[in-house]
N, C-alpha and C. Protein backbone atom coordinates (compact mmCIF):
# COMPACT_ATOMS: atom_id res chain seq x y z
N MET A 1 9.47 3.24 -48.43
CA MET A 1 9.82 2.64 -47.81
C MET A 1 9.65 3.82 -46.31
N LYS A 2 10.13 5.16 -46.59
CA LYS A 2 10.29 6.03 -45.33
C LYS A 2 8.64 6.22 -45.24
N ARG A 3 7.85 6.61 -46.39
CA ARG A 3 6.60 6.48 -46.35
C ARG A 3 5.46 5.58 -45.95
N LEU A 4 6.03 4.21 -45.83
CA LEU A 4 5.23 3.14 -44.99
C LEU A 4 5.76 3.35 -43.96
N ILE A 5 6.98 3.63 -43.32
CA ILE A 5 7.13 3.91 -41.76
C ILE A 5 6.82 4.95 -41.14
N VAL A 6 6.31 5.92 -42.04
CA VAL A 6 5.78 7.30 -41.09
C VAL A 6 4.32 6.80 -41.16
N ALA A 7 3.86 6.78 -42.16
CA ALA A 7 2.08 6.23 -42.20
C ALA A 7 1.77 4.90 -41.19
N ILE A 8 3.14 4.00 -40.69
CA ILE A 8 2.44 3.13 -39.40
C ILE A 8 2.65 3.86 -38.48
N ALA A 9 3.50 5.00 -38.17
CA ALA A 9 4.08 5.77 -37.06
C ALA A 9 2.39 6.49 -36.96
N LEU A 10 2.21 7.04 -38.16
CA LEU A 10 0.95 8.51 -37.67
C LEU A 10 -0.71 7.49 -37.07
N SER A 11 -0.27 6.05 -37.53
CA SER A 11 -1.66 5.52 -37.32
C SER A 11 -1.51 5.00 -35.72
N PHE A 12 -0.18 4.82 -35.16
CA PHE A 12 -0.34 4.82 -34.08
C PHE A 12 -0.43 6.11 -32.95
N ALA A 13 -0.41 7.24 -33.68
CA ALA A 13 -0.25 8.35 -32.64
C ALA A 13 -1.87 8.55 -31.90
N PRO A 14 -2.74 8.25 -32.31
CA PRO A 14 -4.03 8.37 -31.28
C PRO A 14 -3.95 7.60 -30.33
N PHE A 15 -3.29 6.33 -30.24
CA PHE A 15 -3.24 5.60 -28.72
C PHE A 15 -1.84 5.50 -28.41
N SER A 16 -0.79 7.21 -28.65
CA SER A 16 -0.05 6.94 -27.63
C SER A 16 -0.22 7.67 -26.14
N HIS A 17 -1.12 8.09 -25.94
CA HIS A 17 -1.29 8.30 -24.64
C HIS A 17 -1.89 6.67 -23.88
N THR A 18 -1.81 5.68 -24.32
CA THR A 18 -1.86 4.71 -23.53
C THR A 18 -0.87 3.99 -23.29
N ILE A 19 0.62 4.42 -23.86
CA ILE A 19 1.58 3.72 -23.58
C ILE A 19 2.14 4.70 -22.30
N ARG A 20 2.12 5.90 -21.97
CA ARG A 20 3.01 6.61 -20.60
C ARG A 20 2.59 5.64 -20.03
N ALA A 21 3.40 6.24 -18.65
CA ALA A 21 3.35 5.11 -17.41
C ALA A 21 2.26 6.44 -16.79
N GLU A 22 1.52 5.50 -15.84
CA GLU A 22 0.52 5.92 -15.05
C GLU A 22 1.52 7.45 -14.12
N GLU A 23 0.30 8.38 -14.23
CA GLU A 23 1.17 9.44 -12.77
C GLU A 23 1.23 8.78 -11.49
N THR A 24 2.07 9.19 -10.85
CA THR A 24 1.76 8.94 -9.44
C THR A 24 1.78 10.21 -8.44
N GLN A 25 1.28 9.87 -7.13
CA GLN A 25 1.56 10.56 -5.94
C GLN A 25 2.33 10.27 -4.79
N THR A 26 3.03 10.98 -4.18
CA THR A 26 3.76 10.54 -2.71
C THR A 26 2.89 11.11 -2.11
N ILE A 27 2.76 10.35 -0.85
CA ILE A 27 1.58 10.32 0.17
C ILE A 27 2.59 10.21 1.81
N ALA A 28 2.86 11.45 2.51
CA ALA A 28 3.57 11.01 3.44
C ALA A 28 2.40 11.01 4.57
N TYR A 29 3.03 10.28 5.91
CA TYR A 29 1.80 9.83 6.59
C TYR A 29 2.30 10.08 8.09
N PRO A 30 2.09 10.65 8.84
CA PRO A 30 0.65 11.30 9.23
C PRO A 30 0.60 12.58 8.47
N THR A 31 1.93 13.38 8.16
CA THR A 31 1.91 14.64 7.37
C THR A 31 3.15 14.67 6.80
N ALA A 32 3.43 15.57 5.90
CA ALA A 32 4.59 15.86 5.26
C ALA A 32 5.56 16.13 6.40
N GLU A 33 5.33 17.15 7.24
CA GLU A 33 6.62 17.85 7.99
C GLU A 33 6.86 16.83 9.34
N GLU A 34 5.95 15.57 9.39
CA GLU A 34 6.33 14.48 10.52
C GLU A 34 5.90 13.13 10.08
N ALA A 35 6.43 12.73 8.67
CA ALA A 35 6.12 11.91 8.33
C ALA A 35 7.07 10.55 9.06
N SER A 36 6.26 9.42 9.27
CA SER A 36 6.70 8.31 9.54
C SER A 36 6.90 7.24 8.34
N PHE A 37 6.39 7.35 7.42
CA PHE A 37 6.66 7.13 6.12
C PHE A 37 5.95 7.52 5.01
N LEU A 38 6.28 6.97 3.72
CA LEU A 38 5.81 7.50 2.55
C LEU A 38 5.79 6.33 1.53
N ILE A 39 4.28 6.58 0.83
CA ILE A 39 3.96 5.74 0.07
C ILE A 39 3.72 6.12 -1.30
N THR A 40 4.11 5.66 -2.49
CA THR A 40 3.64 5.76 -3.73
C THR A 40 2.08 5.51 -4.40
N ALA A 41 1.33 5.74 -5.30
CA ALA A 41 0.01 5.75 -5.39
C ALA A 41 -0.50 6.27 -6.81
N PRO A 42 -1.27 5.43 -7.74
CA PRO A 42 -1.57 6.50 -8.66
C PRO A 42 -2.10 7.31 -8.61
N GLU A 43 -2.03 8.51 -9.37
CA GLU A 43 -2.62 10.07 -9.26
C GLU A 43 -4.36 9.63 -9.01
N ALA A 44 -4.75 8.66 -9.63
CA ALA A 44 -6.45 8.71 -10.08
C ALA A 44 -6.80 7.90 -8.35
N TRP A 45 -6.39 7.51 -7.70
CA TRP A 45 -6.55 7.00 -6.57
C TRP A 45 -7.28 8.05 -5.47
N LYS A 46 -8.58 8.00 -5.25
CA LYS A 46 -9.08 9.03 -4.56
C LYS A 46 -8.47 8.77 -2.91
N ILE A 47 -8.48 10.05 -2.17
CA ILE A 47 -7.43 9.98 -0.87
C ILE A 47 -8.91 10.65 0.06
N THR A 48 -8.97 9.77 1.22
CA THR A 48 -9.64 9.97 2.17
C THR A 48 -8.41 10.29 3.62
N PRO A 49 -8.15 11.57 3.71
CA PRO A 49 -7.11 11.68 4.70
C PRO A 49 -7.72 11.25 6.66
N ALA A 50 -6.67 10.48 7.02
CA ALA A 50 -6.79 10.36 8.41
C ALA A 50 -6.78 11.99 9.50
N GLU A 51 -7.92 11.72 9.91
CA GLU A 51 -8.47 12.84 11.03
C GLU A 51 -7.17 13.62 12.02
N GLN A 52 -6.56 12.10 12.37
CA GLN A 52 -5.38 12.33 12.92
C GLN A 52 -4.39 11.26 13.22
N ALA A 53 -3.57 11.69 13.77
CA ALA A 53 -2.31 10.85 13.88
C ALA A 53 -2.60 9.04 14.42
N GLY A 54 -2.59 8.16 13.68
CA GLY A 54 -2.91 7.12 14.27
C GLY A 54 -4.50 6.04 13.33
N ASP A 55 -5.37 7.02 12.97
CA ASP A 55 -6.48 7.03 12.36
C ASP A 55 -6.11 6.37 10.88
N PHE A 56 -7.02 5.63 10.23
CA PHE A 56 -6.71 5.29 9.14
C PHE A 56 -6.57 6.13 7.78
N PHE A 57 -5.75 6.30 7.16
CA PHE A 57 -5.74 7.16 5.87
C PHE A 57 -6.21 6.02 4.34
N GLN A 58 -6.85 6.58 3.61
CA GLN A 58 -7.90 5.52 2.77
C GLN A 58 -7.40 6.17 1.58
N LEU A 59 -7.24 5.41 0.67
CA LEU A 59 -7.21 5.40 -1.07
C LEU A 59 -7.76 4.39 -1.73
N GLU A 60 -8.58 5.00 -2.45
CA GLU A 60 -9.76 4.02 -3.33
C GLU A 60 -9.61 4.51 -4.90
N GLY A 61 -9.27 3.12 -5.49
CA GLY A 61 -8.77 3.24 -6.73
C GLY A 61 -10.30 3.34 -7.66
N SER A 62 -9.90 3.54 -9.22
CA SER A 62 -10.96 3.54 -9.99
C SER A 62 -11.72 2.22 -10.38
N THR A 63 -11.43 1.41 -10.01
CA THR A 63 -11.84 0.06 -9.95
C THR A 63 -12.72 -0.59 -8.44
N GLY A 64 -12.69 0.47 -7.56
CA GLY A 64 -13.24 0.07 -6.12
C GLY A 64 -12.04 -0.55 -5.07
N ALA A 65 -10.99 -0.61 -5.98
CA ALA A 65 -9.83 -1.53 -4.64
C ALA A 65 -9.67 -0.18 -3.61
N ILE A 66 -9.59 -0.72 -2.35
CA ILE A 66 -9.14 0.39 -1.13
C ILE A 66 -7.91 -0.53 -0.74
N PHE A 67 -6.95 0.94 -0.41
CA PHE A 67 -6.01 0.87 0.34
C PHE A 67 -5.68 1.72 1.56
N SER A 68 -5.89 0.80 2.92
CA SER A 68 -6.10 1.73 4.00
C SER A 68 -4.52 1.73 4.91
N PHE A 69 -4.39 2.46 5.66
CA PHE A 69 -2.79 2.37 6.31
C PHE A 69 -3.13 3.74 7.57
N ARG A 70 -2.14 3.23 8.34
CA ARG A 70 -2.07 3.93 9.42
C ARG A 70 -0.71 3.52 10.08
N THR A 71 -0.48 4.63 11.56
CA THR A 71 0.67 3.72 12.24
C THR A 71 0.20 3.50 13.40
N ILE A 72 0.64 2.56 14.14
CA ILE A 72 0.61 2.38 15.67
C ILE A 72 1.74 2.32 16.40
N GLU A 73 2.01 2.21 17.99
CA GLU A 73 3.02 1.96 18.83
C GLU A 73 3.73 1.16 18.33
N GLY A 74 5.03 1.51 18.26
CA GLY A 74 6.14 0.25 17.89
C GLY A 74 6.55 -0.96 19.17
N THR A 75 5.24 -1.21 19.83
CA THR A 75 5.74 -2.26 20.87
C THR A 75 5.27 -3.84 20.41
N GLU A 76 5.82 -4.70 20.90
CA GLU A 76 5.46 -5.70 20.48
C GLU A 76 3.96 -6.38 20.94
N LYS A 77 3.39 -5.65 21.91
CA LYS A 77 1.90 -5.97 22.61
C LYS A 77 1.08 -5.24 21.61
N SER A 78 1.62 -3.98 20.94
CA SER A 78 0.57 -3.01 20.06
C SER A 78 0.43 -3.97 18.99
N LEU A 79 1.75 -4.72 18.13
CA LEU A 79 1.51 -5.41 16.96
C LEU A 79 0.62 -6.77 17.45
N ASP A 80 0.77 -7.24 18.34
CA ASP A 80 0.07 -8.37 18.67
C ASP A 80 -1.46 -8.06 18.76
N ALA A 81 -2.12 -6.91 19.09
CA ALA A 81 -3.51 -6.41 19.52
C ALA A 81 -3.85 -5.93 18.30
N ALA A 82 -2.95 -5.36 17.29
CA ALA A 82 -3.42 -5.05 15.69
C ALA A 82 -3.64 -6.30 14.87
N ILE A 83 -3.11 -7.28 15.18
CA ILE A 83 -2.95 -8.52 14.14
C ILE A 83 -4.87 -9.21 14.67
N LYS A 84 -4.33 -9.19 15.85
CA LYS A 84 -5.40 -9.98 16.62
C LYS A 84 -7.06 -9.23 15.99
N GLU A 85 -7.06 -7.79 16.05
CA GLU A 85 -8.24 -7.24 16.03
C GLU A 85 -8.27 -7.18 14.35
N SER A 86 -7.35 -7.18 13.56
CA SER A 86 -7.34 -7.11 12.04
C SER A 86 -8.03 -8.70 11.75
N VAL A 87 -7.72 -9.62 12.35
CA VAL A 87 -8.06 -10.77 12.25
C VAL A 87 -9.85 -10.83 12.38
N LYS A 88 -9.77 -10.43 13.63
CA LYS A 88 -11.29 -10.28 14.03
C LYS A 88 -12.37 -9.36 13.40
N GLU A 89 -11.99 -8.15 12.58
CA GLU A 89 -12.49 -7.20 11.58
C GLU A 89 -12.53 -7.81 10.34
N LEU A 90 -11.64 -8.71 9.81
CA LEU A 90 -11.72 -9.56 8.62
C LEU A 90 -12.98 -10.50 8.81
N ASN A 91 -13.03 -11.11 9.77
CA ASN A 91 -14.18 -11.90 10.03
C ASN A 91 -15.29 -11.48 10.26
N GLU A 92 -15.41 -10.21 10.77
CA GLU A 92 -16.52 -9.65 10.71
C GLU A 92 -17.02 -8.79 9.59
N ARG A 93 -16.18 -8.40 8.43
CA ARG A 93 -16.43 -7.68 7.26
C ARG A 93 -16.93 -9.08 6.04
N PHE A 94 -16.17 -9.94 6.21
CA PHE A 94 -16.26 -11.25 5.25
C PHE A 94 -16.63 -12.39 5.83
N ASP A 95 -17.64 -13.20 4.99
CA ASP A 95 -17.66 -14.36 5.09
C ASP A 95 -16.49 -15.34 4.35
N ASP A 96 -16.53 -16.44 4.91
CA ASP A 96 -15.59 -17.59 4.29
C ASP A 96 -14.49 -16.79 4.39
N MET A 97 -13.93 -16.19 5.23
CA MET A 97 -12.55 -15.44 5.35
C MET A 97 -11.40 -16.54 5.42
N GLN A 98 -10.66 -16.81 4.40
CA GLN A 98 -9.33 -17.85 4.53
C GLN A 98 -7.95 -16.64 4.41
N LEU A 99 -7.77 -16.59 5.42
CA LEU A 99 -6.37 -15.66 5.53
C LEU A 99 -5.08 -16.62 5.67
N GLY A 100 -4.19 -16.36 4.74
CA GLY A 100 -2.58 -17.12 4.60
C GLY A 100 -1.98 -17.02 5.69
N ASP A 101 -0.66 -17.77 5.38
CA ASP A 101 0.40 -17.56 6.39
C ASP A 101 1.12 -16.43 6.18
N ALA A 102 1.55 -15.53 7.44
CA ALA A 102 2.20 -14.38 7.33
C ALA A 102 3.76 -14.65 6.50
N GLU A 103 3.93 -13.87 5.61
CA GLU A 103 5.39 -13.81 5.30
C GLU A 103 6.25 -12.84 5.15
N ASP A 104 7.06 -12.95 5.21
CA ASP A 104 8.30 -11.79 5.39
C ASP A 104 8.20 -10.90 4.33
N TRP A 105 8.55 -9.29 4.89
CA TRP A 105 8.29 -8.39 3.55
C TRP A 105 9.17 -7.40 3.97
N LYS A 106 9.91 -6.99 3.15
CA LYS A 106 10.94 -6.02 3.04
C LYS A 106 11.16 -4.69 2.16
N PRO A 107 9.91 -4.32 2.18
CA PRO A 107 9.96 -2.77 0.99
C PRO A 107 11.31 -1.92 1.77
N HIS A 108 11.95 -1.57 0.56
CA HIS A 108 13.05 -0.59 0.80
C HIS A 108 13.92 -0.64 1.78
N GLY A 109 14.21 -1.72 2.31
CA GLY A 109 15.05 -1.49 3.75
C GLY A 109 14.38 -1.89 4.96
N LEU A 110 13.12 -1.57 4.68
CA LEU A 110 12.02 -1.71 5.69
C LEU A 110 11.84 -3.27 6.40
N THR A 111 11.65 -3.74 7.55
CA THR A 111 11.04 -5.02 7.83
C THR A 111 9.92 -5.28 8.45
N GLY A 112 9.16 -6.00 7.67
CA GLY A 112 7.87 -6.36 8.16
C GLY A 112 7.10 -8.09 8.00
N LEU A 113 5.86 -8.15 7.56
CA LEU A 113 5.21 -9.21 7.61
C LEU A 113 3.98 -8.68 6.99
N TYR A 114 3.32 -9.75 5.75
CA TYR A 114 2.15 -9.39 5.32
C TYR A 114 1.25 -10.57 5.13
N ALA A 115 0.45 -10.69 5.00
CA ALA A 115 -0.83 -11.97 4.66
C ALA A 115 -1.71 -11.66 3.50
N VAL A 116 -2.10 -12.65 2.63
CA VAL A 116 -3.18 -12.66 1.53
C VAL A 116 -4.23 -13.43 1.74
N GLY A 117 -5.52 -12.89 1.44
CA GLY A 117 -6.25 -14.13 1.94
C GLY A 117 -7.68 -13.60 0.97
N THR A 118 -8.72 -14.53 1.32
CA THR A 118 -9.89 -14.35 0.43
C THR A 118 -10.99 -14.40 0.87
N GLY A 119 -12.22 -13.77 0.77
CA GLY A 119 -13.36 -13.92 1.52
C GLY A 119 -14.20 -13.60 0.30
N LYS A 120 -15.54 -13.44 1.16
CA LYS A 120 -16.94 -12.51 0.05
C LYS A 120 -17.40 -11.73 1.16
N ILE A 121 -17.92 -10.33 0.43
CA ILE A 121 -18.42 -9.60 1.24
C ILE A 121 -19.85 -10.23 1.96
N LYS A 122 -19.77 -9.33 3.18
CA LYS A 122 -21.00 -10.16 4.14
C LYS A 122 -22.05 -10.17 3.24
N GLY A 123 -22.82 -11.25 3.24
CA GLY A 123 -24.37 -10.99 2.85
C GLY A 123 -24.63 -10.92 0.93
N GLU A 124 -23.45 -10.87 0.74
CA GLU A 124 -23.12 -11.06 -0.96
C GLU A 124 -22.44 -12.26 -1.13
N ASP A 125 -22.37 -12.39 -2.69
CA ASP A 125 -21.81 -13.43 -3.08
C ASP A 125 -20.64 -13.31 -3.84
N THR A 126 -20.27 -11.52 -3.36
CA THR A 126 -19.08 -10.99 -4.32
C THR A 126 -17.66 -11.59 -3.43
N ALA A 127 -16.67 -12.43 -4.55
CA ALA A 127 -15.22 -12.98 -3.59
C ALA A 127 -14.41 -11.52 -3.81
N VAL A 128 -13.60 -11.51 -2.71
CA VAL A 128 -12.42 -10.50 -2.72
C VAL A 128 -11.08 -11.08 -2.16
N LYS A 129 -10.55 -10.21 -2.63
CA LYS A 129 -8.83 -10.63 -2.02
C LYS A 129 -8.68 -9.78 -1.00
N VAL A 130 -8.21 -9.89 -0.12
CA VAL A 130 -7.71 -8.98 1.30
C VAL A 130 -6.20 -9.10 1.52
N GLY A 131 -5.34 -8.23 1.87
CA GLY A 131 -4.18 -8.34 2.36
C GLY A 131 -3.96 -7.02 3.35
N VAL A 132 -3.50 -7.86 4.72
CA VAL A 132 -2.97 -7.03 5.60
C VAL A 132 -1.30 -7.10 6.02
N GLY A 133 -0.93 -5.90 6.25
CA GLY A 133 0.32 -6.20 6.93
C GLY A 133 0.96 -4.99 7.70
N TRP A 134 2.29 -5.22 8.47
CA TRP A 134 2.83 -4.44 9.15
C TRP A 134 4.11 -4.14 8.94
N CYS A 135 4.61 -3.22 9.48
CA CYS A 135 6.03 -2.77 8.71
C CYS A 135 6.78 -1.92 9.79
N ALA A 136 7.88 -2.52 10.59
CA ALA A 136 8.47 -1.41 11.54
C ALA A 136 9.04 -0.15 10.81
N LEU A 137 8.86 0.69 11.53
CA LEU A 137 9.42 2.14 10.68
C LEU A 137 10.79 2.77 11.78
N ALA A 138 11.65 3.57 10.76
CA ALA A 138 12.41 4.13 11.66
C ALA A 138 12.50 4.96 12.79
N ASP A 139 11.16 5.44 12.68
CA ASP A 139 10.71 6.47 14.23
C ASP A 139 10.32 5.50 15.66
N GLY A 140 10.47 4.06 15.14
CA GLY A 140 9.86 3.27 16.44
C GLY A 140 8.52 3.11 16.17
N LYS A 141 7.71 3.43 15.33
CA LYS A 141 6.50 3.41 14.93
C LYS A 141 6.38 1.90 14.17
N ILE A 142 5.12 1.46 13.95
CA ILE A 142 4.87 0.95 12.88
C ILE A 142 3.80 0.95 12.33
N ALA A 143 3.94 0.66 11.00
CA ALA A 143 2.74 1.17 9.74
C ALA A 143 1.73 -0.29 9.65
N GLU A 144 0.58 0.13 9.72
CA GLU A 144 -0.43 -0.88 9.44
C GLU A 144 -0.94 -0.59 8.38
N MET A 145 -1.20 -1.86 7.32
CA MET A 145 -2.03 -1.72 6.23
C MET A 145 -2.93 -2.70 5.84
N TRP A 146 -4.13 -2.13 5.05
CA TRP A 146 -5.16 -3.58 4.58
C TRP A 146 -5.28 -2.71 2.76
N PHE A 147 -5.60 -4.05 2.41
CA PHE A 147 -6.15 -3.45 1.27
C PHE A 147 -7.35 -4.63 1.00
N VAL A 148 -8.50 -3.98 -0.17
CA VAL A 148 -9.32 -5.13 -0.32
C VAL A 148 -9.96 -4.68 -1.63
N ALA A 149 -9.84 -5.99 -2.79
CA ALA A 149 -10.42 -5.72 -3.77
C ALA A 149 -11.15 -6.78 -4.34
N GLU A 150 -12.19 -6.41 -5.23
CA GLU A 150 -12.98 -7.89 -5.87
C GLU A 150 -11.76 -8.63 -6.44
N ASP A 151 -12.27 -10.05 -6.26
CA ASP A 151 -11.36 -11.06 -6.69
C ASP A 151 -10.63 -10.97 -8.26
N SER A 152 -11.76 -10.28 -8.55
CA SER A 152 -11.76 -10.37 -10.75
C SER A 152 -10.83 -9.05 -10.88
N ASP A 153 -10.59 -8.03 -9.78
CA ASP A 153 -10.25 -6.89 -10.26
C ASP A 153 -8.30 -7.10 -10.35
N ALA A 154 -7.92 -7.76 -11.13
CA ALA A 154 -6.57 -7.74 -11.24
C ALA A 154 -5.95 -6.26 -10.88
N LYS A 155 -6.41 -5.34 -11.91
CA LYS A 155 -5.41 -4.55 -11.95
C LYS A 155 -5.69 -3.39 -10.77
N GLY A 156 -6.52 -3.49 -9.89
CA GLY A 156 -7.00 -3.05 -8.40
C GLY A 156 -5.83 -3.77 -7.46
N ILE A 157 -5.63 -4.87 -7.58
CA ILE A 157 -5.13 -5.83 -6.46
C ILE A 157 -3.66 -5.91 -7.07
N LYS A 158 -3.14 -5.65 -8.23
CA LYS A 158 -1.87 -5.37 -8.89
C LYS A 158 -1.24 -3.53 -8.20
N GLN A 159 -2.12 -2.84 -8.58
CA GLN A 159 -1.57 -1.65 -7.70
C GLN A 159 -1.73 -1.33 -6.02
N ALA A 160 -2.49 -2.19 -5.38
CA ALA A 160 -2.60 -2.08 -3.95
C ALA A 160 -1.39 -2.52 -3.72
N GLU A 161 -0.78 -3.66 -4.12
CA GLU A 161 0.31 -4.57 -3.82
C GLU A 161 1.63 -3.54 -4.05
N ASP A 162 1.68 -2.49 -5.49
CA ASP A 162 2.78 -1.64 -5.80
C ASP A 162 2.58 -0.64 -4.80
N ILE A 163 1.42 -0.33 -4.26
CA ILE A 163 1.79 0.88 -2.90
C ILE A 163 2.29 0.44 -2.20
N ALA A 164 1.87 -0.92 -1.71
CA ALA A 164 2.29 -1.73 -0.26
C ALA A 164 3.96 -1.60 -0.33
N ASN A 165 4.14 -2.12 -1.41
CA ASN A 165 5.94 -2.02 -1.79
C ASN A 165 6.38 -1.07 -2.13
N SER A 166 6.06 0.10 -2.22
CA SER A 166 6.30 1.44 -2.19
C SER A 166 6.64 2.09 -0.91
N MET A 167 6.17 1.30 0.33
CA MET A 167 6.70 2.20 1.54
C MET A 167 8.12 2.21 1.71
N ARG A 168 8.27 3.44 1.98
CA ARG A 168 9.66 3.69 2.75
C ARG A 168 9.94 4.79 3.90
N ALA A 169 10.88 4.80 4.06
CA ALA A 169 11.19 5.83 5.01
C ALA A 169 11.58 7.04 4.62
N PRO A 170 10.96 7.90 5.14
CA PRO A 170 11.36 9.47 4.88
C PRO A 170 12.88 9.58 4.71
N ALA A 171 13.11 10.47 3.67
CA ALA A 171 14.40 11.12 3.43
C ALA A 171 15.05 11.71 4.98
N PRO A 172 16.44 11.64 5.40
CA PRO A 172 16.74 12.49 6.93
C PRO A 172 16.57 13.86 6.33
N GLN A 173 16.14 14.85 7.61
CA GLN A 173 16.01 15.96 7.23
C GLN A 173 17.42 16.59 7.67
N ASP A 174 18.10 17.88 6.71
CA ASP A 174 19.04 18.27 7.15
C ASP A 174 19.02 19.07 8.06
């Protein structure tokens, strides 16, 4: 019996690397020294940093899913303008864009809202899922986030949702 258990265990050894959790990276925006917020993303996601505070920082997954984020001024006027600009941008980038109603979002004690929708890449028949969200930050700014992935990309969509839900305030400095 012991030999059978050992033989079964050894037969699964080559697959043990697939059981481990995916490695992650923590990203501070805009910089580690002056972070407005932190997110956690899979290590394999490629980073395109923002050139300056207020610009979008982009992550791209191995499946082609894209997650972008930045901060805007924390005023109602800035938030209204960002929402209107996002809706306009979505309609410019995608055909048949259908954005769902905004829902409350509370990652790690922060307060925000998000909406998810579907569309097609302009001029193509490729269906996509998109998400947009905004979250009030402890430093008085608002985080703005986007994700887009092919509608059939369940892995990329799930990872983008996990990235969004990992948003948190940086730990207070001593």
